[in-house]
Amino acid sequence: MRALGITVGGTRYNISLEEAFADFIVNDLKEAGIDIAVDNDPKDLLKAYLRLAKQLHDYEEEIELLVQELETPKI
C-alpha cells in the first residue's frame, strides 16, 4: 500500500492505494494538470474526472463494437 495525498480547495485528502494503482493515479493526475504537491482548484479535479469518464465511455463503446463484431456470423 502507498499513502497518497492531494490538496483540493485548501483541504488535504490522504488515501492509501495499492502501489501500481497509486502510480497510475499520480501519472493520470499529472497528465490532467493536477499537481499533488500543491493546492488544486476543485474545477481542475472535475476536469480530471471528466477526462477519465470520457476515456471510460470511449472504451465501453469500443468493447461493445468488438463484441458485436465477434457475435456477427461470418459467411
Protein backbone atom coordinates (compact mmCIF):
# COMPACT_ATOMS: atom_id res chain seq x y z
CA MET A 1 0.00 0.00 0.00
CA ARG A 2 1.10 3.53 -0.69
CA ALA A 3 -0.05 6.68 1.05
CA LEU A 4 -1.15 9.37 -1.37
CA GLY A 5 -2.26 12.88 -0.51
CA ILE A 6 -3.89 15.57 -2.60
CA THR A 7 -4.98 19.05 -1.59
CA VAL A 8 -8.14 20.46 -3.12
CA GLY A 9 -9.58 23.82 -2.17
CA GLY A 10 -7.40 24.05 0.92
CA THR A 11 -8.30 20.62 2.29
CA ARG A 12 -5.77 17.79 2.27
CA TYR A 13 -7.11 14.32 1.49
CA ASN A 14 -4.94 11.30 2.33
CA ILE A 15 -5.66 7.85 0.97
CA SER A 16 -3.89 4.50 0.76
CA LEU A 17 -3.78 2.74 -2.57
CA GLU A 18 -2.09 -0.33 -3.97
CA GLU A 19 1.31 0.66 -5.34
CA ALA A 20 0.57 0.09 -9.05
CA PHE A 21 -2.78 1.87 -8.82
CA ALA A 22 -1.19 4.79 -6.93
CA ASP A 23 1.38 5.14 -9.72
CA PHE A 24 -1.42 5.16 -12.29
CA ILE A 25 -3.36 7.81 -10.34
CA VAL A 26 -0.33 10.07 -9.89
CA ASN A 27 0.55 9.83 -13.59
CA ASP A 28 -3.02 10.37 -14.73
CA LEU A 29 -3.48 13.38 -12.45
CA LYS A 30 -0.21 14.81 -13.74
CA GLU A 31 -1.39 14.39 -17.34
CA ALA A 32 -4.63 16.17 -16.39
CA GLY A 33 -2.71 19.12 -14.91
CA ILE A 34 -3.17 18.19 -11.26
CA ASP A 35 -0.07 18.55 -9.06
CA ILE A 36 -0.37 16.54 -5.84
CA ALA A 37 2.28 18.77 -4.22
CA VAL A 38 0.17 21.96 -4.35
CA ASP A 39 -3.36 23.12 -3.54
CA ASN A 40 -5.59 22.35 -6.51
CA ASP A 41 -8.73 24.11 -7.66
CA PRO A 42 -11.83 21.85 -7.49
CA LYS A 43 -12.56 22.82 -11.10
CA ASP A 44 -9.30 21.17 -12.17
CA LEU A 45 -10.16 17.98 -10.31
CA LEU A 46 -13.57 17.93 -12.03
CA LYS A 47 -11.83 18.29 -15.39
CA ALA A 48 -9.55 15.35 -14.50
CA TYR A 49 -12.58 13.24 -13.57
CA LEU A 50 -14.39 14.14 -16.79
CA ARG A 51 -11.27 13.25 -18.77
CA LEU A 52 -11.29 9.76 -17.23
CA ALA A 53 -15.05 9.44 -17.67
CA LYS A 54 -14.63 10.22 -21.38
CA GLN A 55 -11.92 7.56 -21.68
CA LEU A 56 -14.15 5.01 -19.95
CA HIS A 57 -17.07 5.91 -22.21
CA ASP A 58 -14.91 5.51 -25.32
CA TYR A 59 -13.52 2.17 -24.09
CA GLU A 60 -17.01 0.85 -23.38
CA GLU A 61 -18.18 1.83 -26.87
CA GLU A 62 -15.13 0.16 -28.41
CA ILE A 63 -15.71 -3.01 -26.40
CA GLU A 64 -19.35 -3.10 -27.46
CA LEU A 65 -18.32 -2.81 -31.12
CA LEU A 66 -15.81 -5.63 -30.69
CA VAL A 67 -18.41 -7.84 -29.00
CA GLN A 68 -20.87 -7.18 -31.83
CA GLU A 69 -18.19 -7.99 -34.37
CA LEU A 70 -17.37 -11.27 -32.60
CA GLU A 71 -21.06 -12.19 -32.36
CA THR A 72 -21.78 -11.46 -36.02
CA PRO A 73 -21.67 -14.70 -38.01
CA LYS A 74 -19.03 -14.81 -40.74
CA ILE A 75 -20.15 -16.16 -44.07
